[in-house]
Amino acid sequence: MTNLLMSLYVRLMTSIAPLKNEKGQGLVEYALILVLIAIVVIAMVTGIGGKANTVFSKVNSALN
């Protein structure tokens, strides 16, 4: 019985294997990398923006 189930499993897996499409996998990986880069850039701009605002405020108050 175990041999019969194993042979059916092997036949099923070998018939399904050609149906797998991995072309979109690379696109998903590139999209994830771009999302991670965007998150890092947004975090950096947010941090730099706060510091830049402080510097411009000091310059403005020094000019007044």
N, C-alpha and C. Protein backbone atom coordinates (compact mmCIF):
# COMPACT_ATOMS: atom_id res chain seq x y z
N MET A 1 0.82 -1.20 0.00
CA MET A 1 0.00 0.00 0.00
C MET A 1 0.87 1.26 0.00
N THR A 2 1.95 1.25 0.79
CA THR A 2 2.83 2.40 0.86
C THR A 2 3.51 2.64 -0.49
N ASN A 3 3.91 1.57 -1.15
CA ASN A 3 4.55 1.71 -2.46
C ASN A 3 3.58 2.29 -3.48
N LEU A 4 2.33 1.89 -3.40
CA LEU A 4 1.33 2.42 -4.31
C LEU A 4 1.14 3.92 -4.08
N LEU A 5 1.03 4.33 -2.83
CA LEU A 5 0.87 5.75 -2.52
C LEU A 5 2.10 6.55 -2.94
N MET A 6 3.27 5.96 -2.71
CA MET A 6 4.50 6.65 -3.10
C MET A 6 4.59 6.81 -4.61
N SER A 7 4.23 5.79 -5.35
CA SER A 7 4.29 5.90 -6.81
C SER A 7 3.26 6.90 -7.33
N LEU A 8 2.07 6.94 -6.71
CA LEU A 8 1.08 7.94 -7.10
C LEU A 8 1.57 9.36 -6.80
N TYR A 9 2.21 9.50 -5.65
CA TYR A 9 2.75 10.81 -5.28
C TYR A 9 3.82 11.26 -6.26
N VAL A 10 4.71 10.35 -6.61
CA VAL A 10 5.79 10.68 -7.55
C VAL A 10 5.21 11.04 -8.90
N ARG A 11 4.22 10.29 -9.37
CA ARG A 11 3.59 10.62 -10.66
C ARG A 11 2.92 11.99 -10.62
N LEU A 12 2.25 12.25 -9.51
CA LEU A 12 1.56 13.54 -9.37
C LEU A 12 2.57 14.69 -9.37
N MET A 13 3.65 14.55 -8.63
CA MET A 13 4.65 15.61 -8.55
C MET A 13 5.38 15.82 -9.88
N THR A 14 5.65 14.75 -10.59
CA THR A 14 6.33 14.91 -11.88
C THR A 14 5.41 15.50 -12.93
N SER A 15 4.11 15.28 -12.79
CA SER A 15 3.18 15.88 -13.76
C SER A 15 2.91 17.34 -13.44
N ILE A 16 3.02 17.73 -12.16
CA ILE A 16 2.77 19.11 -11.77
C ILE A 16 4.01 19.97 -11.97
N ALA A 17 5.19 19.41 -11.84
CA ALA A 17 6.43 20.18 -11.90
C ALA A 17 6.55 21.04 -13.15
N PRO A 18 6.22 20.54 -14.34
CA PRO A 18 6.32 21.41 -15.53
C PRO A 18 5.32 22.56 -15.52
N LEU A 19 4.27 22.44 -14.72
CA LEU A 19 3.25 23.49 -14.69
C LEU A 19 3.65 24.69 -13.83
N LYS A 20 4.70 24.52 -13.02
CA LYS A 20 5.13 25.63 -12.17
C LYS A 20 5.71 26.73 -13.04
N ASN A 21 5.32 27.95 -12.77
CA ASN A 21 5.82 29.09 -13.52
C ASN A 21 6.56 30.00 -12.55
N GLU A 22 7.85 30.12 -12.73
CA GLU A 22 8.66 30.93 -11.82
C GLU A 22 9.15 32.22 -12.48
N LYS A 23 8.54 32.60 -13.59
CA LYS A 23 8.96 33.82 -14.27
C LYS A 23 8.64 35.06 -13.44
N GLY A 24 7.53 35.06 -12.73
CA GLY A 24 7.14 36.21 -11.94
C GLY A 24 7.90 36.33 -10.63
N GLN A 25 8.64 35.31 -10.27
CA GLN A 25 9.34 35.32 -8.99
C GLN A 25 10.39 36.42 -8.95
N GLY A 26 11.14 36.60 -10.01
CA GLY A 26 12.16 37.65 -10.06
C GLY A 26 11.54 39.03 -9.95
N LEU A 27 10.41 39.22 -10.59
CA LEU A 27 9.71 40.51 -10.54
C LEU A 27 9.28 40.83 -9.11
N VAL A 28 8.79 39.83 -8.41
CA VAL A 28 8.36 40.03 -7.02
C VAL A 28 9.56 40.37 -6.15
N GLU A 29 10.68 39.70 -6.37
CA GLU A 29 11.88 39.99 -5.58
C GLU A 29 12.36 41.42 -5.82
N TYR A 30 12.37 41.86 -7.09
CA TYR A 30 12.77 43.23 -7.38
C TYR A 30 11.81 44.23 -6.76
N ALA A 31 10.52 43.92 -6.77
CA ALA A 31 9.53 44.82 -6.17
C ALA A 31 9.76 44.93 -4.66
N LEU A 32 10.06 43.81 -4.01
CA LEU A 32 10.33 43.85 -2.56
C LEU A 32 11.57 44.67 -2.25
N ILE A 33 12.61 44.53 -3.08
CA ILE A 33 13.82 45.32 -2.87
C ILE A 33 13.52 46.80 -3.03
N LEU A 34 12.73 47.16 -4.05
CA LEU A 34 12.38 48.56 -4.26
C LEU A 34 11.55 49.11 -3.10
N VAL A 35 10.66 48.30 -2.56
CA VAL A 35 9.87 48.75 -1.41
C VAL A 35 10.76 48.98 -0.20
N LEU A 36 11.70 48.09 0.04
CA LEU A 36 12.62 48.26 1.17
C LEU A 36 13.49 49.51 0.99
N ILE A 37 13.97 49.74 -0.22
CA ILE A 37 14.76 50.95 -0.48
C ILE A 37 13.91 52.19 -0.26
N ALA A 38 12.66 52.15 -0.71
CA ALA A 38 11.77 53.31 -0.52
C ALA A 38 11.54 53.59 0.96
N ILE A 39 11.38 52.54 1.75
CA ILE A 39 11.18 52.73 3.19
C ILE A 39 12.41 53.37 3.82
N VAL A 40 13.59 52.91 3.44
CA VAL A 40 14.83 53.49 3.98
C VAL A 40 14.97 54.95 3.57
N VAL A 41 14.68 55.25 2.31
CA VAL A 41 14.79 56.64 1.83
C VAL A 41 13.80 57.53 2.55
N ILE A 42 12.58 57.07 2.74
CA ILE A 42 11.58 57.87 3.45
C ILE A 42 12.02 58.13 4.88
N ALA A 43 12.56 57.10 5.53
CA ALA A 43 13.03 57.27 6.91
C ALA A 43 14.18 58.27 6.97
N MET A 44 15.09 58.21 6.00
CA MET A 44 16.22 59.14 5.98
C MET A 44 15.76 60.56 5.72
N VAL A 45 14.86 60.74 4.77
CA VAL A 45 14.37 62.08 4.45
C VAL A 45 13.61 62.66 5.64
N THR A 46 12.86 61.83 6.33
CA THR A 46 12.14 62.30 7.50
C THR A 46 13.11 62.77 8.58
N GLY A 47 14.16 61.98 8.81
CA GLY A 47 15.16 62.37 9.81
C GLY A 47 15.93 63.61 9.41
N ILE A 48 16.33 63.68 8.15
CA ILE A 48 17.08 64.84 7.67
C ILE A 48 16.18 66.07 7.63
N GLY A 49 14.90 65.87 7.30
CA GLY A 49 13.96 66.99 7.24
C GLY A 49 13.80 67.67 8.57
N GLY A 50 13.74 66.89 9.64
CA GLY A 50 13.62 67.48 10.97
C GLY A 50 14.85 68.27 11.34
N LYS A 51 16.02 67.74 11.03
CA LYS A 51 17.26 68.45 11.34
C LYS A 51 17.41 69.70 10.48
N ALA A 52 17.02 69.60 9.21
CA ALA A 52 17.09 70.76 8.32
C ALA A 52 16.15 71.85 8.80
N ASN A 53 14.99 71.47 9.27
CA ASN A 53 14.04 72.45 9.79
C ASN A 53 14.63 73.19 10.99
N THR A 54 15.33 72.46 11.85
CA THR A 54 15.96 73.08 13.01
C THR A 54 17.04 74.07 12.58
N VAL A 55 17.86 73.68 11.61
CA VAL A 55 18.92 74.56 11.13
C VAL A 55 18.34 75.82 10.51
N PHE A 56 17.31 75.67 9.66
CA PHE A 56 16.71 76.84 9.03
C PHE A 56 16.03 77.74 10.06
N SER A 57 15.46 77.16 11.09
CA SER A 57 14.86 77.98 12.16
C SER A 57 15.92 78.80 12.89
N LYS A 58 17.07 78.19 13.16
CA LYS A 58 18.16 78.91 13.83
C LYS A 58 18.69 80.04 12.94
N VAL A 59 18.83 79.76 11.65
CA VAL A 59 19.30 80.79 10.73
C VAL A 59 18.28 81.92 10.65
N ASN A 60 17.00 81.59 10.59
CA ASN A 60 15.96 82.60 10.52
C ASN A 60 15.94 83.46 11.76
N SER A 61 16.06 82.85 12.93
CA SER A 61 16.05 83.63 14.16
C SER A 61 17.33 84.46 14.29
N ALA A 62 18.44 83.99 13.75
CA ALA A 62 19.68 84.77 13.80
C ALA A 62 19.60 85.99 12.87
N LEU A 63 18.88 85.87 11.77
CA LEU A 63 18.75 86.98 10.84
C LEU A 63 17.76 88.04 11.34
N ASN A 64 16.85 87.65 12.19
CA ASN A 64 15.84 88.61 12.70
C ASN A 64 16.36 89.33 13.86
